[in-house]
Amino acid sequence: MKKVEYRIRIGPDDRYRHIHIKEKGKIVYFRIQYETKINEIWYPVVRYDTAHGFAHRDLLSKKGDVTKTPLFNQDYNDALTFAESDLKSNWEYYKRRFLEVKDE
């Protein structure tokens, strides 16, 4: 098995964290997450992973709520490619959504 892990800064207060495990050329686990820093604290905004035995997206809120959406592609290689593309293309949208939710 081969484990790959890295972080990429995508904005002044924004980063992309990536981890995946590959076995015999196939992804067997991944977790990628977009995070934003507010008042020196890093907050997870959106995460794609294979926890719970299936590929899915978690949209998080500042209050800690999580909205889970399954990915219909169960091939983890394809799911990881989709997830990476989505986060890198849409992180600014996810940040606006995260910041617009009112604290109660």
N, C-alpha and C. Protein backbone atom coordinates (compact mmCIF):
# COMPACT_ATOMS: atom_id res chain seq x y z
N MET A 1 0.84 -1.19 0.00
CA MET A 1 0.00 0.00 0.00
C MET A 1 0.88 1.24 0.00
N LYS A 2 0.40 2.26 -0.68
CA LYS A 2 1.12 3.52 -0.74
C LYS A 2 0.21 4.64 -0.24
N LYS A 3 0.70 5.40 0.73
CA LYS A 3 -0.06 6.51 1.30
C LYS A 3 0.53 7.83 0.79
N VAL A 4 -0.36 8.71 0.30
CA VAL A 4 0.04 10.02 -0.19
C VAL A 4 -0.71 11.06 0.63
N GLU A 5 0.04 12.05 1.14
CA GLU A 5 -0.59 13.08 1.95
C GLU A 5 0.09 14.42 1.68
N TYR A 6 -0.71 15.48 1.50
CA TYR A 6 -0.15 16.80 1.29
C TYR A 6 -1.20 17.88 1.55
N ARG A 7 -0.72 19.12 1.65
CA ARG A 7 -1.58 20.30 1.78
C ARG A 7 -1.16 21.31 0.73
N ILE A 8 -2.16 22.03 0.20
CA ILE A 8 -1.90 23.08 -0.77
C ILE A 8 -2.60 24.34 -0.30
N ARG A 9 -1.89 25.44 -0.29
CA ARG A 9 -2.50 26.74 0.02
C ARG A 9 -3.18 27.21 -1.25
N ILE A 10 -4.49 27.52 -1.18
CA ILE A 10 -5.24 27.94 -2.37
C ILE A 10 -5.73 29.38 -2.27
N GLY A 11 -5.52 30.00 -1.14
CA GLY A 11 -5.88 31.39 -0.94
C GLY A 11 -5.15 31.88 0.30
N PRO A 12 -5.22 33.16 0.60
CA PRO A 12 -4.50 33.69 1.77
C PRO A 12 -4.89 32.99 3.08
N ASP A 13 -6.15 32.63 3.20
CA ASP A 13 -6.66 31.97 4.40
C ASP A 13 -7.39 30.67 4.05
N ASP A 14 -6.93 30.00 3.02
CA ASP A 14 -7.63 28.82 2.53
C ASP A 14 -6.61 27.74 2.16
N ARG A 15 -6.98 26.49 2.45
CA ARG A 15 -6.09 25.38 2.10
C ARG A 15 -6.91 24.14 1.73
N TYR A 16 -6.22 23.28 1.03
CA TYR A 16 -6.76 22.00 0.55
C TYR A 16 -5.88 20.92 1.17
N ARG A 17 -6.49 20.00 1.93
CA ARG A 17 -5.75 18.89 2.52
C ARG A 17 -6.15 17.60 1.81
N HIS A 18 -5.16 16.78 1.52
CA HIS A 18 -5.37 15.58 0.70
C HIS A 18 -4.66 14.39 1.34
N ILE A 19 -5.36 13.28 1.41
CA ILE A 19 -4.74 12.02 1.79
C ILE A 19 -5.44 10.91 1.00
N HIS A 20 -4.65 10.00 0.45
CA HIS A 20 -5.24 8.82 -0.17
C HIS A 20 -4.30 7.63 0.01
N ILE A 21 -4.89 6.46 -0.03
CA ILE A 21 -4.13 5.22 0.05
C ILE A 21 -4.46 4.41 -1.19
N LYS A 22 -3.40 3.96 -1.84
CA LYS A 22 -3.53 3.21 -3.09
C LYS A 22 -2.93 1.82 -2.89
N GLU A 23 -3.62 0.83 -3.43
CA GLU A 23 -3.13 -0.54 -3.38
C GLU A 23 -3.30 -1.16 -4.77
N LYS A 24 -2.21 -1.63 -5.32
CA LYS A 24 -2.23 -2.24 -6.66
C LYS A 24 -2.88 -1.34 -7.70
N GLY A 25 -2.55 -0.06 -7.65
CA GLY A 25 -3.05 0.89 -8.64
C GLY A 25 -4.47 1.39 -8.41
N LYS A 26 -5.11 0.96 -7.33
CA LYS A 26 -6.48 1.38 -7.06
C LYS A 26 -6.55 2.13 -5.74
N ILE A 27 -7.30 3.20 -5.73
CA ILE A 27 -7.54 3.94 -4.50
C ILE A 27 -8.43 3.08 -3.60
N VAL A 28 -7.99 2.87 -2.36
CA VAL A 28 -8.80 2.10 -1.42
C VAL A 28 -9.36 2.99 -0.29
N TYR A 29 -8.82 4.22 -0.19
CA TYR A 29 -9.29 5.17 0.82
C TYR A 29 -8.86 6.56 0.39
N PHE A 30 -9.72 7.56 0.63
CA PHE A 30 -9.30 8.94 0.46
C PHE A 30 -10.09 9.87 1.36
N ARG A 31 -9.46 10.99 1.66
CA ARG A 31 -10.13 12.09 2.36
C ARG A 31 -9.48 13.38 1.87
N ILE A 32 -10.28 14.24 1.27
CA ILE A 32 -9.78 15.55 0.87
C ILE A 32 -10.73 16.58 1.45
N GLN A 33 -10.15 17.70 1.87
CA GLN A 33 -10.94 18.66 2.61
C GLN A 33 -10.49 20.07 2.28
N TYR A 34 -11.46 20.95 2.09
CA TYR A 34 -11.18 22.37 1.95
C TYR A 34 -11.42 23.02 3.30
N GLU A 35 -10.47 23.85 3.75
CA GLU A 35 -10.56 24.54 5.03
C GLU A 35 -10.29 26.02 4.85
N THR A 36 -10.93 26.83 5.69
CA THR A 36 -10.68 28.26 5.68
C THR A 36 -10.33 28.71 7.09
N LYS A 37 -9.48 29.74 7.19
CA LYS A 37 -9.03 30.23 8.48
C LYS A 37 -9.81 31.50 8.83
N ILE A 38 -10.43 31.48 10.01
CA ILE A 38 -11.18 32.63 10.52
C ILE A 38 -10.68 32.90 11.92
N ASN A 39 -10.19 34.11 12.16
CA ASN A 39 -9.65 34.49 13.47
C ASN A 39 -8.61 33.47 13.97
N GLU A 40 -7.72 33.09 13.06
CA GLU A 40 -6.60 32.19 13.37
C GLU A 40 -7.01 30.75 13.66
N ILE A 41 -8.26 30.38 13.38
CA ILE A 41 -8.72 29.00 13.57
C ILE A 41 -9.09 28.42 12.21
N TRP A 42 -8.60 27.22 11.90
CA TRP A 42 -8.94 26.54 10.66
C TRP A 42 -10.26 25.81 10.82
N TYR A 43 -11.19 26.08 9.89
CA TYR A 43 -12.50 25.44 9.89
C TYR A 43 -12.66 24.57 8.65
N PRO A 44 -13.09 23.31 8.82
CA PRO A 44 -13.41 22.50 7.65
C PRO A 44 -14.71 23.01 7.02
N VAL A 45 -14.72 23.15 5.72
CA VAL A 45 -15.86 23.70 4.99
C VAL A 45 -16.56 22.60 4.18
N VAL A 46 -15.78 21.83 3.45
CA VAL A 46 -16.33 20.71 2.68
C VAL A 46 -15.29 19.61 2.63
N ARG A 47 -15.78 18.38 2.74
CA ARG A 47 -14.88 17.22 2.76
C ARG A 47 -15.46 16.12 1.88
N TYR A 48 -14.59 15.49 1.13
CA TYR A 48 -14.94 14.27 0.40
C TYR A 48 -14.14 13.14 1.04
N ASP A 49 -14.80 12.02 1.29
CA ASP A 49 -14.06 10.89 1.84
C ASP A 49 -14.79 9.58 1.58
N THR A 50 -14.15 8.51 2.03
CA THR A 50 -14.71 7.17 1.85
C THR A 50 -15.03 6.53 3.20
N ALA A 51 -15.15 7.35 4.24
CA ALA A 51 -15.56 6.83 5.54
C ALA A 51 -16.96 6.23 5.40
N HIS A 52 -17.31 5.35 6.27
CA HIS A 52 -18.63 4.69 6.27
C HIS A 52 -18.79 3.73 5.08
N GLY A 53 -17.68 3.44 4.37
CA GLY A 53 -17.72 2.43 3.32
C GLY A 53 -18.22 2.90 1.96
N PHE A 54 -18.40 4.21 1.78
CA PHE A 54 -18.82 4.72 0.47
C PHE A 54 -18.28 6.13 0.27
N ALA A 55 -18.10 6.51 -0.99
CA ALA A 55 -17.61 7.85 -1.31
C ALA A 55 -18.75 8.84 -1.15
N HIS A 56 -18.46 9.96 -0.48
CA HIS A 56 -19.49 10.97 -0.25
C HIS A 56 -18.87 12.34 0.02
N ARG A 57 -19.73 13.35 -0.03
CA ARG A 57 -19.33 14.73 0.28
C ARG A 57 -20.03 15.15 1.56
N ASP A 58 -19.28 15.79 2.45
CA ASP A 58 -19.84 16.39 3.64
C ASP A 58 -19.71 17.90 3.52
N LEU A 59 -20.86 18.60 3.53
CA LEU A 59 -20.87 20.06 3.60
C LEU A 59 -21.03 20.41 5.07
N LEU A 60 -20.11 21.21 5.59
CA LEU A 60 -20.12 21.54 7.00
C LEU A 60 -20.55 22.98 7.22
N SER A 61 -21.07 23.25 8.40
CA SER A 61 -21.45 24.62 8.75
C SER A 61 -20.63 25.08 9.95
N LYS A 62 -20.61 26.39 10.18
CA LYS A 62 -19.90 26.92 11.34
C LYS A 62 -20.49 26.38 12.64
N LYS A 63 -21.76 26.02 12.63
CA LYS A 63 -22.41 25.48 13.83
C LYS A 63 -22.05 24.01 14.05
N GLY A 64 -21.42 23.39 13.07
CA GLY A 64 -21.06 21.98 13.21
C GLY A 64 -22.00 21.02 12.51
N ASP A 65 -23.03 21.54 11.85
CA ASP A 65 -23.95 20.68 11.11
C ASP A 65 -23.23 20.09 9.90
N VAL A 66 -23.62 18.88 9.53
CA VAL A 66 -23.02 18.19 8.38
C VAL A 66 -24.14 17.71 7.47
N THR A 67 -24.03 18.04 6.18
CA THR A 67 -24.95 17.52 5.17
C THR A 67 -24.18 16.54 4.31
N LYS A 68 -24.56 15.27 4.37
CA LYS A 68 -23.85 14.20 3.66
C LYS A 68 -24.56 13.88 2.35
N THR A 69 -23.79 13.85 1.25
CA THR A 69 -24.32 13.52 -0.06
C THR A 69 -23.48 12.41 -0.67
N PRO A 70 -24.06 11.23 -0.93
CA PRO A 70 -23.28 10.16 -1.54
C PRO A 70 -22.88 10.49 -2.97
N LEU A 71 -21.70 10.01 -3.36
CA LEU A 71 -21.29 10.10 -4.76
C LEU A 71 -21.78 8.83 -5.43
N PHE A 72 -22.34 8.98 -6.59
CA PHE A 72 -22.93 7.82 -7.25
C PHE A 72 -21.89 6.96 -7.94
N ASN A 73 -20.68 7.47 -8.08
CA ASN A 73 -19.61 6.69 -8.68
C ASN A 73 -18.89 5.95 -7.56
N GLN A 74 -19.03 4.65 -7.50
CA GLN A 74 -18.41 3.89 -6.43
C GLN A 74 -16.97 3.47 -6.72
N ASP A 75 -16.47 3.76 -7.91
CA ASP A 75 -15.06 3.55 -8.20
C ASP A 75 -14.29 4.68 -7.51
N TYR A 76 -13.49 4.35 -6.51
CA TYR A 76 -12.82 5.38 -5.72
C TYR A 76 -11.82 6.20 -6.53
N ASN A 77 -11.21 5.61 -7.56
CA ASN A 77 -10.30 6.39 -8.41
C ASN A 77 -11.07 7.53 -9.09
N ASP A 78 -12.22 7.21 -9.67
CA ASP A 78 -13.03 8.23 -10.34
C ASP A 78 -13.62 9.21 -9.33
N ALA A 79 -14.05 8.70 -8.18
CA ALA A 79 -14.63 9.57 -7.15
C ALA A 79 -13.59 10.57 -6.65
N LEU A 80 -12.36 10.13 -6.45
CA LEU A 80 -11.30 11.03 -6.01
C LEU A 80 -11.00 12.09 -7.06
N THR A 81 -10.94 11.69 -8.31
CA THR A 81 -10.71 12.66 -9.40
C THR A 81 -11.81 13.70 -9.43
N PHE A 82 -13.06 13.28 -9.32
CA PHE A 82 -14.19 14.21 -9.29
C PHE A 82 -14.08 15.14 -8.09
N ALA A 83 -13.81 14.60 -6.92
CA ALA A 83 -13.75 15.40 -5.69
C ALA A 83 -12.64 16.45 -5.76
N GLU A 84 -11.47 16.06 -6.24
CA GLU A 84 -10.37 17.02 -6.38
C GLU A 84 -10.76 18.16 -7.31
N SER A 85 -11.33 17.81 -8.44
CA SER A 85 -11.73 18.82 -9.41
C SER A 85 -12.78 19.77 -8.82
N ASP A 86 -13.76 19.22 -8.12
CA ASP A 86 -14.80 20.04 -7.52
C ASP A 86 -14.23 21.01 -6.50
N LEU A 87 -13.39 20.54 -5.59
CA LEU A 87 -12.84 21.43 -4.57
C LEU A 87 -11.94 22.51 -5.16
N LYS A 88 -11.11 22.13 -6.09
CA LYS A 88 -10.20 23.11 -6.68
C LYS A 88 -10.93 24.14 -7.53
N SER A 89 -12.05 23.75 -8.15
CA SER A 89 -12.81 24.66 -9.00
C SER A 89 -13.82 25.50 -8.21
N ASN A 90 -14.34 24.96 -7.12
CA ASN A 90 -15.48 25.59 -6.45
C ASN A 90 -15.23 26.01 -5.01
N TRP A 91 -13.98 26.03 -4.55
CA TRP A 91 -13.72 26.36 -3.16
C TRP A 91 -14.25 27.74 -2.80
N GLU A 92 -14.20 28.71 -3.71
CA GLU A 92 -14.69 30.05 -3.38
C GLU A 92 -16.21 30.05 -3.16
N TYR A 93 -16.93 29.27 -3.94
CA TYR A 93 -18.37 29.11 -3.73
C TYR A 93 -18.64 28.51 -2.35
N TYR A 94 -17.92 27.43 -2.03
CA TYR A 94 -18.11 26.78 -0.74
C TYR A 94 -17.79 27.74 0.41
N LYS A 95 -16.78 28.58 0.24
CA LYS A 95 -16.42 29.54 1.29
C LYS A 95 -17.54 30.55 1.49
N ARG A 96 -18.07 31.09 0.39
CA ARG A 96 -19.18 32.06 0.51
C ARG A 96 -20.36 31.41 1.22
N ARG A 97 -20.71 30.19 0.84
CA ARG A 97 -21.82 29.48 1.46
C ARG A 97 -21.58 29.31 2.96
N PHE A 98 -20.37 28.93 3.32
CA PHE A 98 -20.00 28.70 4.73
C PHE A 98 -20.11 30.01 5.53
N LEU A 99 -19.62 31.11 4.95
CA LEU A 99 -19.59 32.39 5.67
C LEU A 99 -20.97 33.04 5.74
N GLU A 100 -21.86 32.75 4.79
CA GLU A 100 -23.18 33.36 4.77
C GLU A 100 -24.15 32.76 5.79
N VAL A 101 -23.87 31.56 6.26
CA VAL A 101 -24.77 30.93 7.23
C VAL A 101 -24.65 31.69 8.54
N LYS A 102 -25.79 32.10 9.06
CA LYS A 102 -25.82 32.88 10.29
C LYS A 102 -25.64 31.99 11.51
N ASP A 103 -24.83 32.46 12.45
CA ASP A 103 -24.72 31.77 13.74
C ASP A 103 -25.98 32.05 14.55
N GLU A 104 -26.49 31.03 15.21
CA GLU A 104 -27.69 31.23 16.01
C GLU A 104 -27.39 31.04 17.47
